[in-house]
Amino acid sequence: MANSYARPVLRTADLNEALRAAGRLLDLADTRELEVDFDARVPDARALERLLGLLPGAEWWADGAGHGSSDRGDPPSAHLPVRLMGWGMSADVVRPVLAAAGACPVSVRWDFSGWPEAPDIGLGAGGPRGAYVTVCAHARDLDLTEPAADHTVFVHVKHVEAERAPWLAARVGLQVIGELVMAPW
């Protein structure tokens, strides 16, 4: 699977505003096959317990000096901080997961069937590779390594269709606010 490329299109202290912007972008997309992936850096047992309650099949691994992981069958609370990932979830769990995460850096990535045709910039409909929207809550970057008090919305595209990102942003009243970066997953 090839990586997508992403551009930030909104940074805001209001998580609801970030989610509304993501919703407007998703309204442009072919979401007949929509699923959501989560990635979080979890430093404490309380947040971990809340998140595991919502993402029971999540994968995790020690996010520091430890070596524990879900693959090894280790208890995650013994290896804090951990990196936690949930795959292929329903969009209904987005708000509960964000609430459970609290101030933990977490990304929510909506994965769908493709972007619409953009004839005014010479692009046909985009397929599923590279068609994502991500909200990074309490982080400035997709890797969740730059903690922040605000939240960033990213639009993902294929590298060869980089001009689709500003086109999509403009369709929902936004503009790109940063460079195109390779997404980590």
N, C-alpha and C. Protein backbone atom coordinates (compact mmCIF):
# COMPACT_ATOMS: atom_id res chain seq x y z
N MET A 1 0.83 -1.17 0.00
CA MET A 1 0.00 0.00 0.00
C MET A 1 0.88 1.24 0.00
N ALA A 2 0.64 2.14 -0.91
CA ALA A 2 1.41 3.36 -1.00
C ALA A 2 0.91 4.39 0.00
N ASN A 3 1.82 5.21 0.47
CA ASN A 3 1.43 6.27 1.39
C ASN A 3 0.70 7.37 0.64
N SER A 4 -0.16 8.07 1.35
CA SER A 4 -0.79 9.25 0.81
C SER A 4 0.08 10.45 1.17
N TYR A 5 -0.28 11.58 0.62
CA TYR A 5 0.37 12.84 0.95
C TYR A 5 -0.71 13.76 1.49
N ALA A 6 -0.37 14.53 2.50
CA ALA A 6 -1.37 15.33 3.18
C ALA A 6 -0.94 16.78 3.27
N ARG A 7 -1.95 17.66 3.27
CA ARG A 7 -1.71 19.09 3.49
C ARG A 7 -2.66 19.57 4.57
N PRO A 8 -2.15 20.33 5.51
CA PRO A 8 -3.04 20.91 6.51
C PRO A 8 -3.89 22.00 5.89
N VAL A 9 -5.17 22.01 6.27
CA VAL A 9 -6.09 23.00 5.72
C VAL A 9 -6.79 23.82 6.80
N LEU A 10 -6.61 23.45 8.06
CA LEU A 10 -7.21 24.21 9.16
C LEU A 10 -6.48 23.87 10.45
N ARG A 11 -6.24 24.89 11.25
CA ARG A 11 -5.74 24.71 12.61
C ARG A 11 -6.63 25.56 13.50
N THR A 12 -7.18 24.93 14.54
CA THR A 12 -8.13 25.61 15.39
C THR A 12 -8.06 25.08 16.82
N ALA A 13 -8.38 25.93 17.78
CA ALA A 13 -8.46 25.51 19.17
C ALA A 13 -9.80 24.83 19.46
N ASP A 14 -10.74 24.90 18.53
CA ASP A 14 -12.09 24.36 18.69
C ASP A 14 -12.19 23.00 17.98
N LEU A 15 -12.20 21.93 18.76
CA LEU A 15 -12.28 20.59 18.17
C LEU A 15 -13.55 20.40 17.36
N ASN A 16 -14.66 20.98 17.80
CA ASN A 16 -15.91 20.87 17.03
C ASN A 16 -15.78 21.54 15.66
N GLU A 17 -15.06 22.65 15.60
CA GLU A 17 -14.82 23.31 14.32
C GLU A 17 -13.98 22.41 13.40
N ALA A 18 -12.98 21.76 13.96
CA ALA A 18 -12.16 20.84 13.17
C ALA A 18 -13.01 19.69 12.64
N LEU A 19 -13.88 19.15 13.47
CA LEU A 19 -14.74 18.04 13.03
C LEU A 19 -15.76 18.50 11.99
N ARG A 20 -16.26 19.71 12.13
CA ARG A 20 -17.18 20.24 11.10
C ARG A 20 -16.46 20.41 9.77
N ALA A 21 -15.22 20.90 9.80
CA ALA A 21 -14.44 21.06 8.56
C ALA A 21 -14.19 19.69 7.93
N ALA A 22 -13.85 18.70 8.74
CA ALA A 22 -13.66 17.34 8.22
C ALA A 22 -14.96 16.85 7.59
N GLY A 23 -16.08 17.14 8.23
CA GLY A 23 -17.38 16.73 7.69
C GLY A 23 -17.67 17.37 6.35
N ARG A 24 -17.33 18.64 6.19
CA ARG A 24 -17.55 19.31 4.90
C ARG A 24 -16.69 18.68 3.81
N LEU A 25 -15.45 18.31 4.15
CA LEU A 25 -14.60 17.63 3.16
C LEU A 25 -15.17 16.26 2.82
N LEU A 26 -15.64 15.54 3.82
CA LEU A 26 -16.23 14.22 3.58
C LEU A 26 -17.49 14.33 2.73
N ASP A 27 -18.21 15.42 2.84
CA ASP A 27 -19.40 15.62 2.00
C ASP A 27 -19.04 15.67 0.52
N LEU A 28 -17.81 16.02 0.19
CA LEU A 28 -17.35 16.05 -1.21
C LEU A 28 -16.97 14.65 -1.71
N ALA A 29 -16.65 13.77 -0.79
CA ALA A 29 -16.05 12.48 -1.12
C ALA A 29 -17.09 11.40 -1.40
N ASP A 30 -16.63 10.35 -2.04
CA ASP A 30 -17.44 9.14 -2.21
C ASP A 30 -17.25 8.31 -0.95
N THR A 31 -18.21 8.37 -0.05
CA THR A 31 -18.08 7.70 1.25
C THR A 31 -18.94 6.44 1.35
N ARG A 32 -19.26 5.84 0.22
CA ARG A 32 -20.05 4.60 0.28
C ARG A 32 -19.33 3.51 1.06
N GLU A 33 -18.03 3.53 1.07
CA GLU A 33 -17.22 2.56 1.82
C GLU A 33 -16.35 3.34 2.80
N LEU A 34 -16.96 3.82 3.86
CA LEU A 34 -16.27 4.67 4.84
C LEU A 34 -15.88 3.87 6.06
N GLU A 35 -14.63 4.05 6.47
CA GLU A 35 -14.18 3.51 7.75
C GLU A 35 -13.20 4.50 8.37
N VAL A 36 -12.99 4.33 9.67
CA VAL A 36 -12.17 5.28 10.41
C VAL A 36 -11.06 4.55 11.14
N ASP A 37 -9.88 5.13 11.12
CA ASP A 37 -8.72 4.61 11.83
C ASP A 37 -8.31 5.63 12.89
N PHE A 38 -7.80 5.12 14.01
CA PHE A 38 -7.36 5.98 15.11
C PHE A 38 -5.92 5.67 15.45
N ASP A 39 -5.19 6.71 15.85
CA ASP A 39 -3.82 6.58 16.31
C ASP A 39 -3.69 7.52 17.50
N ALA A 40 -3.20 7.02 18.63
CA ALA A 40 -3.08 7.86 19.82
C ALA A 40 -1.78 7.58 20.55
N ARG A 41 -1.24 8.61 21.17
CA ARG A 41 -0.12 8.48 22.11
C ARG A 41 -0.73 8.62 23.50
N VAL A 42 -0.70 7.53 24.25
CA VAL A 42 -1.42 7.47 25.52
C VAL A 42 -0.42 7.39 26.68
N PRO A 43 -0.37 8.45 27.52
CA PRO A 43 0.62 8.47 28.60
C PRO A 43 0.13 7.92 29.94
N ASP A 44 -1.19 7.78 30.11
CA ASP A 44 -1.66 7.40 31.45
C ASP A 44 -2.72 6.29 31.41
N ALA A 45 -2.84 5.61 32.53
CA ALA A 45 -3.71 4.43 32.63
C ALA A 45 -5.19 4.78 32.47
N ARG A 46 -5.61 5.94 32.96
CA ARG A 46 -7.04 6.31 32.85
C ARG A 46 -7.46 6.48 31.41
N ALA A 47 -6.68 7.23 30.63
CA ALA A 47 -7.01 7.42 29.22
C ALA A 47 -6.92 6.09 28.48
N LEU A 48 -5.93 5.29 28.81
CA LEU A 48 -5.77 3.98 28.16
C LEU A 48 -7.00 3.11 28.40
N GLU A 49 -7.47 3.06 29.62
CA GLU A 49 -8.65 2.25 29.94
C GLU A 49 -9.88 2.73 29.17
N ARG A 50 -10.07 4.04 29.13
CA ARG A 50 -11.22 4.60 28.39
C ARG A 50 -11.12 4.26 26.90
N LEU A 51 -9.93 4.42 26.32
CA LEU A 51 -9.76 4.15 24.89
C LEU A 51 -9.92 2.67 24.57
N LEU A 52 -9.35 1.80 25.38
CA LEU A 52 -9.49 0.37 25.12
C LEU A 52 -10.94 -0.08 25.24
N GLY A 53 -11.73 0.61 26.06
CA GLY A 53 -13.15 0.30 26.16
C GLY A 53 -13.90 0.58 24.87
N LEU A 54 -13.42 1.56 24.10
CA LEU A 54 -14.05 1.93 22.83
C LEU A 54 -13.40 1.25 21.64
N LEU A 55 -12.13 0.86 21.79
CA LEU A 55 -11.36 0.24 20.70
C LEU A 55 -10.82 -1.10 21.18
N PRO A 56 -11.71 -2.06 21.46
CA PRO A 56 -11.26 -3.31 22.10
C PRO A 56 -10.24 -4.11 21.29
N GLY A 57 -10.22 -4.01 20.00
CA GLY A 57 -9.26 -4.76 19.20
C GLY A 57 -8.04 -3.96 18.80
N ALA A 58 -7.82 -2.84 19.48
CA ALA A 58 -6.71 -1.95 19.09
C ALA A 58 -5.36 -2.62 19.28
N GLU A 59 -4.45 -2.28 18.39
CA GLU A 59 -3.06 -2.71 18.52
C GLU A 59 -2.33 -1.64 19.33
N TRP A 60 -1.32 -2.02 20.08
CA TRP A 60 -0.54 -1.05 20.83
C TRP A 60 0.89 -1.54 20.96
N TRP A 61 1.77 -0.62 21.27
CA TRP A 61 3.16 -0.95 21.58
C TRP A 61 3.72 0.16 22.47
N ALA A 62 4.74 -0.18 23.22
CA ALA A 62 5.37 0.78 24.11
C ALA A 62 5.90 1.95 23.29
N ASP A 63 5.66 3.14 23.77
CA ASP A 63 6.04 4.35 23.06
C ASP A 63 7.16 5.05 23.82
N GLY A 64 8.19 4.33 24.06
CA GLY A 64 9.32 4.86 24.81
C GLY A 64 10.38 3.80 24.92
N ALA A 65 10.94 3.65 26.10
CA ALA A 65 12.04 2.72 26.32
C ALA A 65 11.57 1.27 26.44
N GLY A 66 10.28 1.04 26.68
CA GLY A 66 9.79 -0.33 26.86
C GLY A 66 9.69 -1.13 25.58
N HIS A 67 9.40 -2.41 25.74
CA HIS A 67 9.30 -3.30 24.58
C HIS A 67 7.97 -4.03 24.52
N GLY A 68 7.00 -3.66 25.33
CA GLY A 68 5.72 -4.34 25.35
C GLY A 68 4.89 -4.04 24.12
N SER A 69 3.98 -4.97 23.78
CA SER A 69 3.08 -4.76 22.65
C SER A 69 1.90 -5.71 22.73
N SER A 70 0.87 -5.38 21.96
CA SER A 70 -0.28 -6.27 21.89
C SER A 70 0.09 -7.58 21.21
N ASP A 71 1.03 -7.56 20.30
CA ASP A 71 1.49 -8.79 19.63
C ASP A 71 2.08 -9.79 20.61
N ARG A 72 2.71 -9.28 21.65
CA ARG A 72 3.34 -10.15 22.65
C ARG A 72 2.36 -10.57 23.74
N GLY A 73 1.15 -9.99 23.75
CA GLY A 73 0.17 -10.32 24.76
C GLY A 73 0.42 -9.65 26.09
N ASP A 74 1.25 -8.61 26.10
CA ASP A 74 1.58 -7.89 27.33
C ASP A 74 0.40 -7.02 27.77
N PRO A 75 0.29 -6.73 29.07
CA PRO A 75 -0.73 -5.78 29.52
C PRO A 75 -0.27 -4.35 29.19
N PRO A 76 -1.06 -3.58 28.45
CA PRO A 76 -0.60 -2.25 28.03
C PRO A 76 -0.33 -1.31 29.19
N SER A 77 -1.08 -1.42 30.27
CA SER A 77 -0.90 -0.49 31.39
C SER A 77 0.47 -0.65 32.05
N ALA A 78 1.14 -1.78 31.82
CA ALA A 78 2.47 -2.00 32.39
C ALA A 78 3.57 -1.39 31.52
N HIS A 79 3.19 -0.80 30.38
CA HIS A 79 4.20 -0.30 29.43
C HIS A 79 3.94 1.14 29.00
N LEU A 80 3.31 1.92 29.84
CA LEU A 80 3.00 3.31 29.50
C LEU A 80 4.28 4.13 29.38
N PRO A 81 4.32 5.11 28.49
CA PRO A 81 3.28 5.47 27.54
C PRO A 81 3.23 4.48 26.38
N VAL A 82 2.05 4.39 25.74
CA VAL A 82 1.89 3.48 24.61
C VAL A 82 1.34 4.23 23.41
N ARG A 83 1.59 3.65 22.27
CA ARG A 83 1.00 4.09 21.01
C ARG A 83 -0.12 3.11 20.73
N LEU A 84 -1.33 3.59 20.51
CA LEU A 84 -2.52 2.77 20.34
C LEU A 84 -3.12 3.04 18.98
N MET A 85 -3.43 1.98 18.22
CA MET A 85 -4.04 2.15 16.90
C MET A 85 -5.25 1.25 16.76
N GLY A 86 -6.34 1.84 16.30
CA GLY A 86 -7.56 1.10 15.99
C GLY A 86 -7.88 1.26 14.52
N TRP A 87 -8.22 0.18 13.86
CA TRP A 87 -8.39 0.17 12.40
C TRP A 87 -9.82 -0.20 12.00
N GLY A 88 -10.28 0.37 10.91
CA GLY A 88 -11.53 -0.05 10.28
C GLY A 88 -12.76 0.09 11.15
N MET A 89 -12.83 1.17 11.90
CA MET A 89 -13.95 1.39 12.82
C MET A 89 -15.07 2.17 12.12
N SER A 90 -16.22 2.17 12.77
CA SER A 90 -17.36 2.94 12.31
C SER A 90 -17.14 4.41 12.64
N ALA A 91 -17.68 5.28 11.79
CA ALA A 91 -17.57 6.73 12.05
C ALA A 91 -18.33 7.13 13.31
N ASP A 92 -19.23 6.30 13.78
CA ASP A 92 -20.01 6.61 14.99
C ASP A 92 -19.14 6.72 16.24
N VAL A 93 -17.95 6.17 16.24
CA VAL A 93 -17.12 6.19 17.45
C VAL A 93 -16.15 7.37 17.50
N VAL A 94 -16.17 8.23 16.49
CA VAL A 94 -15.21 9.34 16.45
C VAL A 94 -15.33 10.23 17.69
N ARG A 95 -16.49 10.77 17.94
CA ARG A 95 -16.64 11.68 19.09
C ARG A 95 -16.38 10.98 20.42
N PRO A 96 -16.91 9.76 20.64
CA PRO A 96 -16.59 9.08 21.89
C PRO A 96 -15.09 8.82 22.07
N VAL A 97 -14.38 8.45 21.00
CA VAL A 97 -12.94 8.21 21.11
C VAL A 97 -12.21 9.51 21.44
N LEU A 98 -12.58 10.59 20.78
CA LEU A 98 -11.93 11.87 21.08
C LEU A 98 -12.20 12.30 22.51
N ALA A 99 -13.41 12.09 22.99
CA ALA A 99 -13.72 12.42 24.38
C ALA A 99 -12.91 11.55 25.34
N ALA A 100 -12.80 10.26 25.03
CA ALA A 100 -12.04 9.34 25.89
C ALA A 100 -10.56 9.68 25.90
N ALA A 101 -10.05 10.17 24.78
CA ALA A 101 -8.62 10.50 24.68
C ALA A 101 -8.27 11.73 25.51
N GLY A 102 -9.23 12.58 25.76
CA GLY A 102 -8.95 13.79 26.53
C GLY A 102 -7.88 14.62 25.84
N ALA A 103 -6.82 14.95 26.56
CA ALA A 103 -5.74 15.78 26.01
C ALA A 103 -4.64 14.98 25.33
N CYS A 104 -4.81 13.66 25.21
CA CYS A 104 -3.81 12.84 24.52
C CYS A 104 -3.75 13.23 23.04
N PRO A 105 -2.57 13.29 22.44
CA PRO A 105 -2.51 13.48 21.00
C PRO A 105 -3.14 12.28 20.30
N VAL A 106 -4.10 12.55 19.42
CA VAL A 106 -4.80 11.48 18.72
C VAL A 106 -5.14 11.93 17.30
N SER A 107 -5.04 11.01 16.36
CA SER A 107 -5.48 11.32 15.01
C SER A 107 -6.65 10.41 14.65
N VAL A 108 -7.57 11.01 13.92
CA VAL A 108 -8.73 10.30 13.39
C VAL A 108 -8.62 10.42 11.88
N ARG A 109 -8.56 9.27 11.20
CA ARG A 109 -8.44 9.30 9.74
C ARG A 109 -9.64 8.61 9.12
N TRP A 110 -10.38 9.35 8.31
CA TRP A 110 -11.51 8.79 7.56
C TRP A 110 -10.98 8.28 6.24
N ASP A 111 -11.25 7.04 5.95
CA ASP A 111 -10.79 6.33 4.75
C ASP A 111 -12.03 6.04 3.91
N PHE A 112 -12.03 6.42 2.65
CA PHE A 112 -13.23 6.31 1.82
C PHE A 112 -12.87 5.94 0.39
N SER A 113 -13.87 5.92 -0.47
CA SER A 113 -13.69 5.39 -1.83
C SER A 113 -13.01 6.33 -2.80
N GLY A 114 -13.06 7.63 -2.60
CA GLY A 114 -12.35 8.51 -3.51
C GLY A 114 -12.84 9.94 -3.48
N TRP A 115 -12.02 10.80 -4.09
CA TRP A 115 -12.35 12.22 -4.22
C TRP A 115 -13.12 12.46 -5.52
N PRO A 116 -13.85 13.56 -5.61
CA PRO A 116 -14.61 13.84 -6.83
C PRO A 116 -13.72 14.30 -7.97
N GLU A 117 -14.28 14.29 -9.14
CA GLU A 117 -13.62 14.82 -10.32
C GLU A 117 -13.36 16.31 -10.10
N ALA A 118 -12.22 16.78 -10.58
CA ALA A 118 -11.84 18.20 -10.48
C ALA A 118 -11.47 18.69 -11.87
N PRO A 119 -12.46 18.84 -12.75
CA PRO A 119 -12.15 19.15 -14.16
C PRO A 119 -11.45 20.49 -14.36
N ASP A 120 -11.69 21.47 -13.50
CA ASP A 120 -11.06 22.78 -13.68
C ASP A 120 -9.56 22.76 -13.40
N ILE A 121 -9.05 21.67 -12.78
CA ILE A 121 -7.60 21.54 -12.62
C ILE A 121 -7.09 20.29 -13.35
N GLY A 122 -7.95 19.73 -14.20
CA GLY A 122 -7.54 18.62 -15.06
C GLY A 122 -7.46 17.26 -14.39
N LEU A 123 -8.22 17.05 -13.31
CA LEU A 123 -8.17 15.77 -12.61
C LEU A 123 -9.51 15.06 -12.67
N GLY A 124 -9.45 13.78 -12.97
CA GLY A 124 -10.65 12.95 -12.90
C GLY A 124 -10.93 12.59 -11.45
N ALA A 125 -11.91 11.76 -11.27
CA ALA A 125 -12.23 11.30 -9.92
C ALA A 125 -11.03 10.54 -9.35
N GLY A 126 -10.73 10.78 -8.08
CA GLY A 126 -9.61 10.10 -7.42
C GLY A 126 -10.10 8.82 -6.77
N GLY A 127 -9.35 7.76 -6.90
CA GLY A 127 -9.70 6.48 -6.29
C GLY A 127 -9.34 6.43 -4.82
N PRO A 128 -9.46 5.26 -4.21
CA PRO A 128 -9.27 5.15 -2.76
C PRO A 128 -7.84 5.40 -2.28
N ARG A 129 -6.85 5.12 -3.11
CA ARG A 129 -5.47 5.38 -2.66
C ARG A 129 -5.26 6.88 -2.57
N GLY A 130 -4.94 7.33 -1.39
CA GLY A 130 -4.71 8.76 -1.18
C GLY A 130 -5.95 9.55 -0.85
N ALA A 131 -7.07 8.91 -0.65
CA ALA A 131 -8.32 9.63 -0.34
C ALA A 131 -8.63 9.49 1.14
N TYR A 132 -8.19 10.48 1.92
CA TYR A 132 -8.42 10.47 3.36
C TYR A 132 -8.60 11.90 3.85
N VAL A 133 -9.22 12.01 5.01
CA VAL A 133 -9.25 13.25 5.78
C VAL A 133 -8.80 12.86 7.18
N THR A 134 -7.92 13.66 7.76
CA THR A 134 -7.44 13.39 9.12
C THR A 134 -7.61 14.62 9.99
N VAL A 135 -8.08 14.40 11.20
CA VAL A 135 -8.05 15.42 12.25
C VAL A 135 -7.05 14.95 13.29
N CYS A 136 -6.05 15.77 13.54
CA CYS A 136 -5.08 15.51 14.60
C CYS A 136 -5.46 16.40 15.78
N ALA A 137 -5.99 15.77 16.81
CA ALA A 137 -6.39 16.51 18.01
C ALA A 137 -5.20 16.59 18.96
N HIS A 138 -4.93 17.76 19.44
CA HIS A 138 -3.83 18.00 20.38
C HIS A 138 -2.47 17.66 19.77
N ALA A 139 -2.36 17.83 18.45
CA ALA A 139 -1.09 17.59 17.75
C ALA A 139 -1.06 18.43 16.48
N ARG A 140 0.13 18.83 16.10
CA ARG A 140 0.31 19.62 14.89
C ARG A 140 0.69 18.79 13.68
N ASP A 141 1.08 17.52 13.91
CA ASP A 141 1.59 16.70 12.81
C ASP A 141 0.92 15.33 12.80
N LEU A 142 1.01 14.67 11.67
CA LEU A 142 0.39 13.35 11.49
C LEU A 142 1.05 12.27 12.32
N ASP A 143 2.31 12.45 12.68
CA ASP A 143 3.03 11.47 13.51
C ASP A 143 2.73 11.63 15.00
N LEU A 144 2.01 12.69 15.35
CA LEU A 144 1.65 12.99 16.74
C LEU A 144 2.87 13.25 17.61
N THR A 145 3.91 13.81 17.01
CA THR A 145 5.13 14.09 17.76
C THR A 145 5.22 15.56 18.19
N GLU A 146 4.33 16.41 17.68
CA GLU A 146 4.31 17.82 18.04
C GLU A 146 3.04 18.13 18.83
N PRO A 147 3.05 17.86 20.14
CA PRO A 147 1.85 18.14 20.94
C PRO A 147 1.45 19.61 20.82
N ALA A 148 0.13 19.85 20.92
CA ALA A 148 -0.38 21.20 20.77
C ALA A 148 -1.70 21.34 21.54
N ALA A 149 -2.04 22.56 21.83
CA ALA A 149 -3.33 22.82 22.46
C ALA A 149 -4.44 22.89 21.42
N ASP A 150 -4.05 22.96 20.15
CA ASP A 150 -5.05 23.06 19.09
C ASP A 150 -5.13 21.78 18.26
N HIS A 151 -5.89 21.83 17.19
CA HIS A 151 -6.20 20.65 16.38
C HIS A 151 -6.00 21.02 14.91
N THR A 152 -5.52 20.07 14.12
CA THR A 152 -5.21 20.33 12.71
C THR A 152 -5.97 19.36 11.82
N VAL A 153 -6.55 19.89 10.75
CA VAL A 153 -7.26 19.10 9.76
C VAL A 153 -6.36 18.97 8.53
N PHE A 154 -6.19 17.73 8.07
CA PHE A 154 -5.39 17.44 6.88
C PHE A 154 -6.27 16.82 5.80
N VAL A 155 -6.00 17.18 4.56
CA VAL A 155 -6.62 16.51 3.42
C VAL A 155 -5.52 15.71 2.72
N HIS A 156 -5.81 14.46 2.41
CA HIS A 156 -4.83 13.57 1.78
C HIS A 156 -5.16 13.38 0.31
N VAL A 157 -4.11 13.29 -0.48
CA VAL A 157 -4.23 13.10 -1.93
C VAL A 157 -3.07 12.24 -2.41
N LYS A 158 -3.14 11.81 -3.65
CA LYS A 158 -1.98 11.15 -4.26
C LYS A 158 -0.92 12.22 -4.55
N HIS A 159 0.33 11.83 -4.44
CA HIS A 159 1.41 12.79 -4.69
C HIS A 159 1.31 13.41 -6.08
N VAL A 160 0.97 12.60 -7.08
CA VAL A 160 0.89 13.11 -8.46
C VAL A 160 -0.34 13.99 -8.67
N GLU A 161 -1.22 14.05 -7.69
CA GLU A 161 -2.41 14.90 -7.75
C GLU A 161 -2.39 15.94 -6.63
N ALA A 162 -1.21 16.44 -6.31
CA ALA A 162 -1.05 17.37 -5.19
C ALA A 162 -1.95 18.60 -5.31
N GLU A 163 -2.23 19.03 -6.53
CA GLU A 163 -3.07 20.22 -6.72
C GLU A 163 -4.51 19.98 -6.30
N ARG A 164 -4.89 18.73 -6.06
CA ARG A 164 -6.24 18.43 -5.59
C ARG A 164 -6.46 18.97 -4.17
N ALA A 165 -5.42 19.00 -3.34
CA ALA A 165 -5.57 19.43 -1.94
C ALA A 165 -6.07 20.87 -1.84
N PRO A 166 -5.43 21.86 -2.48
CA PRO A 166 -5.97 23.22 -2.39
C PRO A 166 -7.33 23.35 -3.07
N TRP A 167 -7.56 22.56 -4.12
CA TRP A 167 -8.85 22.58 -4.80
C TRP A 167 -9.95 22.12 -3.84
N LEU A 168 -9.70 21.01 -3.11
CA LEU A 168 -10.68 20.51 -2.14
C LEU A 168 -10.90 21.51 -1.01
N ALA A 169 -9.81 22.06 -0.49
CA ALA A 169 -9.93 23.04 0.60
C ALA A 169 -10.80 24.22 0.17
N ALA A 170 -10.57 24.72 -1.02
CA ALA A 170 -11.34 25.87 -1.51
C ALA A 170 -12.82 25.54 -1.63
N ARG A 171 -13.15 24.30 -1.95
CA ARG A 171 -14.56 23.91 -2.10
C ARG A 171 -15.32 23.98 -0.78
N VAL A 172 -14.62 23.95 0.34
CA VAL A 172 -15.29 24.00 1.64
C VAL A 172 -14.91 25.26 2.43
N GLY A 173 -14.40 26.28 1.70
CA GLY A 173 -14.11 27.55 2.34
C GLY A 173 -12.82 27.59 3.14
N LEU A 174 -11.90 26.69 2.84
CA LEU A 174 -10.61 26.64 3.54
C LEU A 174 -9.49 26.88 2.54
N GLN A 175 -8.27 26.92 3.04
CA GLN A 175 -7.09 26.99 2.18
C GLN A 175 -5.97 26.20 2.83
N VAL A 176 -5.03 25.75 2.03
CA VAL A 176 -3.91 25.02 2.60
C VAL A 176 -3.09 25.98 3.45
N ILE A 177 -2.58 25.45 4.58
CA ILE A 177 -1.82 26.29 5.51
C ILE A 177 -0.43 25.72 5.77
N GLY A 178 -0.04 24.73 4.99
CA GLY A 178 1.27 24.13 5.16
C GLY A 178 1.66 23.31 3.95
N GLU A 179 2.81 22.73 4.03
CA GLU A 179 3.37 21.96 2.92
C GLU A 179 2.75 20.56 2.81
N LEU A 180 2.90 19.98 1.65
CA LEU A 180 2.50 18.60 1.39
C LEU A 180 3.52 17.68 2.09
N VAL A 181 3.03 16.75 2.92
CA VAL A 181 3.91 15.83 3.64
C VAL A 181 3.44 14.40 3.42
N MET A 182 4.39 13.47 3.44
CA MET A 182 4.02 12.06 3.31
C MET A 182 3.36 11.62 4.61
N ALA A 183 2.22 10.98 4.49
CA ALA A 183 1.53 10.47 5.68
C ALA A 183 2.22 9.21 6.17
N PRO A 184 2.26 8.99 7.50
CA PRO A 184 2.98 7.84 8.04
C PRO A 184 2.26 6.51 7.82
N TRP A 185 0.97 6.52 7.58
CA TRP A 185 0.19 5.29 7.40
C TRP A 185 -1.00 5.54 6.56
